[in-house]
Structure formats: structure tokens, C-alpha cells
N, C-alpha and C. Protein backbone atom coordinates (compact mmCIF):
# COMPACT_ATOMS: atom_id res chain seq x y z
N MET A 1 7.54 1.58 21.93
CA MET A 1 8.08 0.23 21.97
C MET A 1 7.93 -0.38 20.57
N PHE A 2 8.95 -1.03 20.11
CA PHE A 2 8.93 -1.65 18.80
C PHE A 2 8.39 -3.06 18.92
N THR A 3 7.38 -3.37 18.12
CA THR A 3 6.85 -4.73 18.10
C THR A 3 7.43 -5.45 16.89
N PRO A 4 7.75 -6.72 17.04
CA PRO A 4 8.34 -7.44 15.91
C PRO A 4 7.39 -7.54 14.74
N CYS A 5 7.96 -7.48 13.55
CA CYS A 5 7.16 -7.58 12.33
C CYS A 5 6.77 -9.02 12.07
N HIS A 6 5.64 -9.17 11.36
CA HIS A 6 5.30 -10.48 10.82
C HIS A 6 6.44 -10.89 9.91
N THR A 7 6.57 -12.14 9.71
CA THR A 7 7.49 -12.58 8.68
C THR A 7 6.87 -12.23 7.35
N ILE A 8 7.59 -11.44 6.57
CA ILE A 8 7.10 -11.06 5.25
C ILE A 8 7.46 -12.19 4.32
N THR A 9 6.50 -13.05 4.07
CA THR A 9 6.76 -14.24 3.28
C THR A 9 6.66 -13.95 1.79
N SER A 10 7.27 -14.80 1.02
CA SER A 10 7.16 -14.69 -0.44
C SER A 10 5.72 -14.85 -0.88
N ASP A 11 4.97 -15.73 -0.21
CA ASP A 11 3.56 -15.93 -0.55
C ASP A 11 2.75 -14.66 -0.33
N MET A 12 3.01 -13.95 0.79
CA MET A 12 2.30 -12.71 1.08
C MET A 12 2.62 -11.67 0.00
N VAL A 13 3.89 -11.53 -0.34
CA VAL A 13 4.29 -10.56 -1.35
C VAL A 13 3.68 -10.93 -2.71
N PHE A 14 3.71 -12.20 -3.06
CA PHE A 14 3.14 -12.66 -4.32
C PHE A 14 1.65 -12.34 -4.39
N ASP A 15 0.92 -12.61 -3.31
CA ASP A 15 -0.52 -12.36 -3.28
C ASP A 15 -0.82 -10.87 -3.38
N LEU A 16 -0.12 -10.06 -2.62
CA LEU A 16 -0.34 -8.62 -2.67
C LEU A 16 0.04 -8.04 -4.04
N ASP A 17 1.13 -8.55 -4.61
CA ASP A 17 1.55 -8.09 -5.93
C ASP A 17 0.48 -8.43 -6.97
N ALA A 18 -0.11 -9.61 -6.87
CA ALA A 18 -1.17 -10.01 -7.79
C ALA A 18 -2.39 -9.09 -7.64
N GLN A 19 -2.73 -8.73 -6.41
CA GLN A 19 -3.85 -7.81 -6.18
C GLN A 19 -3.56 -6.45 -6.83
N LEU A 20 -2.35 -5.95 -6.65
CA LEU A 20 -1.98 -4.66 -7.23
C LEU A 20 -1.99 -4.72 -8.75
N ASN A 21 -1.45 -5.80 -9.30
CA ASN A 21 -1.42 -5.94 -10.76
C ASN A 21 -2.82 -6.00 -11.35
N SER A 22 -3.74 -6.67 -10.67
CA SER A 22 -5.10 -6.76 -11.19
C SER A 22 -5.80 -5.40 -11.17
N LEU A 23 -5.37 -4.53 -10.27
CA LEU A 23 -5.94 -3.18 -10.20
C LEU A 23 -5.12 -2.16 -10.99
N ASP A 24 -3.97 -2.58 -11.49
CA ASP A 24 -3.02 -1.68 -12.16
C ASP A 24 -2.71 -0.50 -11.25
N ALA A 25 -2.27 -0.83 -10.02
CA ALA A 25 -2.07 0.17 -8.98
C ALA A 25 -0.76 -0.06 -8.24
N VAL A 26 -0.45 0.87 -7.34
CA VAL A 26 0.73 0.76 -6.48
C VAL A 26 0.28 0.70 -5.03
N ALA A 27 1.20 0.29 -4.16
CA ALA A 27 0.87 0.13 -2.74
C ALA A 27 1.11 1.42 -1.97
N HIS A 28 0.27 1.64 -0.98
CA HIS A 28 0.40 2.78 -0.07
C HIS A 28 -0.10 2.31 1.30
N VAL A 29 0.32 3.00 2.35
CA VAL A 29 -0.09 2.64 3.70
C VAL A 29 -1.11 3.65 4.20
N ALA A 30 -2.19 3.15 4.76
CA ALA A 30 -3.23 3.98 5.37
C ALA A 30 -3.47 3.46 6.78
N VAL A 31 -4.24 4.20 7.56
CA VAL A 31 -4.58 3.77 8.91
C VAL A 31 -6.02 3.29 8.90
N GLY A 32 -6.22 2.08 9.42
CA GLY A 32 -7.55 1.48 9.44
C GLY A 32 -8.39 1.98 10.60
N ARG A 33 -9.58 1.44 10.70
CA ARG A 33 -10.52 1.86 11.75
C ARG A 33 -9.99 1.62 13.16
N MET A 34 -9.23 0.57 13.32
CA MET A 34 -8.70 0.23 14.65
C MET A 34 -7.29 0.78 14.84
N ASP A 35 -6.92 1.77 14.05
CA ASP A 35 -5.60 2.40 14.09
C ASP A 35 -4.47 1.46 13.70
N ASN A 36 -4.80 0.32 13.12
CA ASN A 36 -3.78 -0.55 12.55
C ASN A 36 -3.50 -0.08 11.14
N PRO A 37 -2.24 -0.12 10.74
CA PRO A 37 -1.94 0.25 9.35
C PRO A 37 -2.51 -0.79 8.39
N VAL A 38 -2.97 -0.32 7.25
CA VAL A 38 -3.47 -1.22 6.22
C VAL A 38 -2.82 -0.83 4.90
N LEU A 39 -2.62 -1.83 4.06
CA LEU A 39 -2.09 -1.58 2.73
C LEU A 39 -3.26 -1.34 1.79
N VAL A 40 -3.13 -0.29 0.99
CA VAL A 40 -4.16 0.05 0.02
C VAL A 40 -3.52 0.21 -1.35
N ALA A 41 -4.36 0.11 -2.36
CA ALA A 41 -3.93 0.31 -3.74
C ALA A 41 -4.34 1.71 -4.16
N ILE A 42 -3.42 2.42 -4.81
CA ILE A 42 -3.72 3.75 -5.35
C ILE A 42 -3.26 3.79 -6.79
N ALA A 43 -3.94 4.59 -7.59
CA ALA A 43 -3.55 4.74 -9.00
C ALA A 43 -4.18 6.01 -9.55
N GLN A 44 -3.60 6.50 -10.64
CA GLN A 44 -4.20 7.63 -11.35
C GLN A 44 -5.61 7.23 -11.74
N GLY A 45 -6.56 8.12 -11.54
CA GLY A 45 -7.93 7.85 -11.93
C GLY A 45 -8.79 7.21 -10.84
N PHE A 46 -8.17 6.70 -9.77
CA PHE A 46 -8.96 6.15 -8.66
C PHE A 46 -9.64 7.32 -7.94
N LEU A 47 -10.87 7.11 -7.49
CA LEU A 47 -11.55 8.12 -6.69
C LEU A 47 -11.18 8.01 -5.22
N ALA A 48 -10.74 6.83 -4.82
CA ALA A 48 -10.34 6.58 -3.43
C ALA A 48 -9.42 5.36 -3.42
N PRO A 49 -8.60 5.24 -2.36
CA PRO A 49 -7.77 4.04 -2.25
C PRO A 49 -8.63 2.79 -2.11
N VAL A 50 -8.10 1.67 -2.57
CA VAL A 50 -8.78 0.38 -2.50
C VAL A 50 -8.02 -0.49 -1.50
N ALA A 51 -8.71 -0.98 -0.48
CA ALA A 51 -8.07 -1.82 0.54
C ALA A 51 -7.61 -3.13 -0.08
N LEU A 52 -6.41 -3.55 0.30
CA LEU A 52 -5.88 -4.84 -0.13
C LEU A 52 -6.17 -5.88 0.94
N ASN A 53 -6.29 -7.11 0.54
CA ASN A 53 -6.54 -8.21 1.46
C ASN A 53 -5.20 -8.70 2.00
N HIS A 54 -5.00 -8.57 3.31
CA HIS A 54 -3.75 -9.01 3.94
C HIS A 54 -3.98 -9.25 5.43
N PRO A 55 -3.05 -9.97 6.08
CA PRO A 55 -3.17 -10.16 7.53
C PRO A 55 -3.05 -8.83 8.27
N THR A 56 -3.52 -8.78 9.49
CA THR A 56 -3.37 -7.58 10.32
C THR A 56 -1.90 -7.26 10.50
N LEU A 57 -1.56 -6.02 10.28
CA LEU A 57 -0.18 -5.57 10.43
C LEU A 57 -0.02 -4.88 11.78
N ASN A 58 1.13 -5.09 12.42
CA ASN A 58 1.33 -4.58 13.77
C ASN A 58 1.84 -3.16 13.84
N SER A 59 2.53 -2.71 12.82
CA SER A 59 3.14 -1.39 12.91
C SER A 59 3.18 -0.71 11.55
N PHE A 60 3.29 0.60 11.61
CA PHE A 60 3.42 1.38 10.39
C PHE A 60 4.72 1.03 9.68
N VAL A 61 5.77 0.78 10.43
CA VAL A 61 7.07 0.42 9.84
C VAL A 61 6.94 -0.88 9.05
N GLU A 62 6.27 -1.87 9.63
CA GLU A 62 6.05 -3.13 8.93
C GLU A 62 5.29 -2.90 7.63
N ALA A 63 4.24 -2.10 7.69
CA ALA A 63 3.44 -1.82 6.50
C ALA A 63 4.27 -1.08 5.44
N GLU A 64 5.06 -0.12 5.85
CA GLU A 64 5.91 0.63 4.92
C GLU A 64 6.95 -0.28 4.26
N LEU A 65 7.51 -1.22 5.01
CA LEU A 65 8.48 -2.15 4.44
C LEU A 65 7.83 -3.00 3.35
N ILE A 66 6.64 -3.45 3.61
CA ILE A 66 5.92 -4.28 2.63
C ILE A 66 5.57 -3.44 1.41
N ALA A 67 5.04 -2.24 1.63
CA ALA A 67 4.66 -1.37 0.51
C ALA A 67 5.88 -1.03 -0.34
N ALA A 68 6.99 -0.73 0.30
CA ALA A 68 8.22 -0.41 -0.45
C ALA A 68 8.67 -1.60 -1.29
N ARG A 69 8.59 -2.79 -0.72
CA ARG A 69 8.98 -3.99 -1.46
C ARG A 69 8.07 -4.22 -2.66
N LEU A 70 6.77 -4.05 -2.46
CA LEU A 70 5.82 -4.23 -3.55
C LEU A 70 6.04 -3.20 -4.66
N ASN A 71 6.21 -1.95 -4.28
CA ASN A 71 6.41 -0.90 -5.28
C ASN A 71 7.73 -1.07 -6.00
N ASN A 72 8.73 -1.56 -5.31
CA ASN A 72 10.02 -1.83 -5.94
C ASN A 72 9.88 -2.91 -7.01
N LEU A 73 9.04 -3.92 -6.74
CA LEU A 73 8.79 -4.97 -7.74
C LEU A 73 8.21 -4.38 -9.02
N GLN A 74 7.43 -3.33 -8.88
CA GLN A 74 6.78 -2.70 -10.03
C GLN A 74 7.60 -1.54 -10.60
N GLY A 75 8.75 -1.28 -10.00
CA GLY A 75 9.59 -0.18 -10.47
C GLY A 75 9.04 1.19 -10.13
N ILE A 76 8.27 1.28 -9.05
CA ILE A 76 7.65 2.54 -8.64
C ILE A 76 8.46 3.16 -7.51
N SER A 77 8.82 4.42 -7.68
CA SER A 77 9.57 5.15 -6.66
C SER A 77 8.61 5.89 -5.73
N ASP A 78 9.14 6.36 -4.60
CA ASP A 78 8.33 7.17 -3.69
C ASP A 78 7.85 8.44 -4.38
N ARG A 79 8.68 9.00 -5.24
CA ARG A 79 8.29 10.22 -5.96
C ARG A 79 7.05 9.96 -6.82
N GLN A 80 7.01 8.81 -7.49
CA GLN A 80 5.85 8.47 -8.31
C GLN A 80 4.62 8.21 -7.45
N ARG A 81 4.83 7.52 -6.32
CA ARG A 81 3.71 7.24 -5.40
C ARG A 81 3.14 8.55 -4.87
N ILE A 82 3.98 9.49 -4.51
CA ILE A 82 3.52 10.78 -3.99
C ILE A 82 2.76 11.56 -5.07
N ALA A 83 3.22 11.49 -6.31
CA ALA A 83 2.51 12.14 -7.40
C ALA A 83 1.10 11.58 -7.55
N ILE A 84 0.97 10.27 -7.39
CA ILE A 84 -0.35 9.64 -7.46
C ILE A 84 -1.22 10.13 -6.30
N LEU A 85 -0.64 10.21 -5.10
CA LEU A 85 -1.40 10.71 -3.94
C LEU A 85 -1.88 12.13 -4.17
N ARG A 86 -1.02 12.97 -4.73
CA ARG A 86 -1.42 14.35 -5.02
C ARG A 86 -2.57 14.40 -6.03
N SER A 87 -2.51 13.53 -7.03
CA SER A 87 -3.59 13.52 -8.02
C SER A 87 -4.90 13.04 -7.38
N LEU A 88 -4.80 12.07 -6.46
CA LEU A 88 -6.00 11.62 -5.75
C LEU A 88 -6.58 12.75 -4.90
N ALA A 89 -5.71 13.50 -4.25
CA ALA A 89 -6.17 14.61 -3.40
C ALA A 89 -6.86 15.68 -4.23
N SER A 90 -6.36 15.92 -5.44
CA SER A 90 -6.99 16.93 -6.28
C SER A 90 -8.34 16.45 -6.81
N VAL A 91 -8.47 15.16 -7.07
CA VAL A 91 -9.75 14.60 -7.52
C VAL A 91 -10.77 14.70 -6.42
N VAL A 92 -10.38 14.35 -5.19
CA VAL A 92 -11.30 14.39 -4.05
C VAL A 92 -11.64 15.83 -3.71
N GLY A 93 -10.68 16.74 -3.88
CA GLY A 93 -10.91 18.14 -3.55
C GLY A 93 -11.80 18.86 -4.54
N ASN A 94 -11.95 18.33 -5.74
CA ASN A 94 -12.78 18.99 -6.77
C ASN A 94 -14.17 18.48 -6.80
């Protein structure tokens, strides 16, 4: 069943973008302790993703839409985001 998304407000995007910019990172979606999706910051050189401060998200689709919008603001493609994830996996694996 599809649950309606939160309204993705300009204020929410602005706040999340500011968090990402302060970390020099891009947005990614992870699953939280309660199986709710959470937005995290990832970047080259990070040892682990950093949780972003945001309201509870209802669905993975909602989280992906927000992450895509944030990464688009920074000019980051999915290919670049995946490359960062691979580098994080190699750091954790070593």
C-alpha cells in the first residue's frame, strides 16, 4: 500500500542542503532502527554515513525523492553517489 508523502517543503530542502554542505557530502537513503528510511550524508573519506536531522519519513520512495532532489542541487548523479558508496564499502572492508 502506498502511503502519501510528507510535503517536501522548501524549508526542509534548504535545511537538509545546509547540513550536507556543512559536511561536504551527498545524500543517501538508509534504513533506521525502526525500519523507517532515514537520510544520511556520505562522502569520500567518511568512515560511516552520518545521519541527517529530518522529520520521520514514511516510505523509501519519499526518502529517495528527497535525496535525489538534494543531490541534484549539488550536481551529483547516481553514478557519483554509487562510487562514493563503493569507496565507503572498501574502507569498512579493510
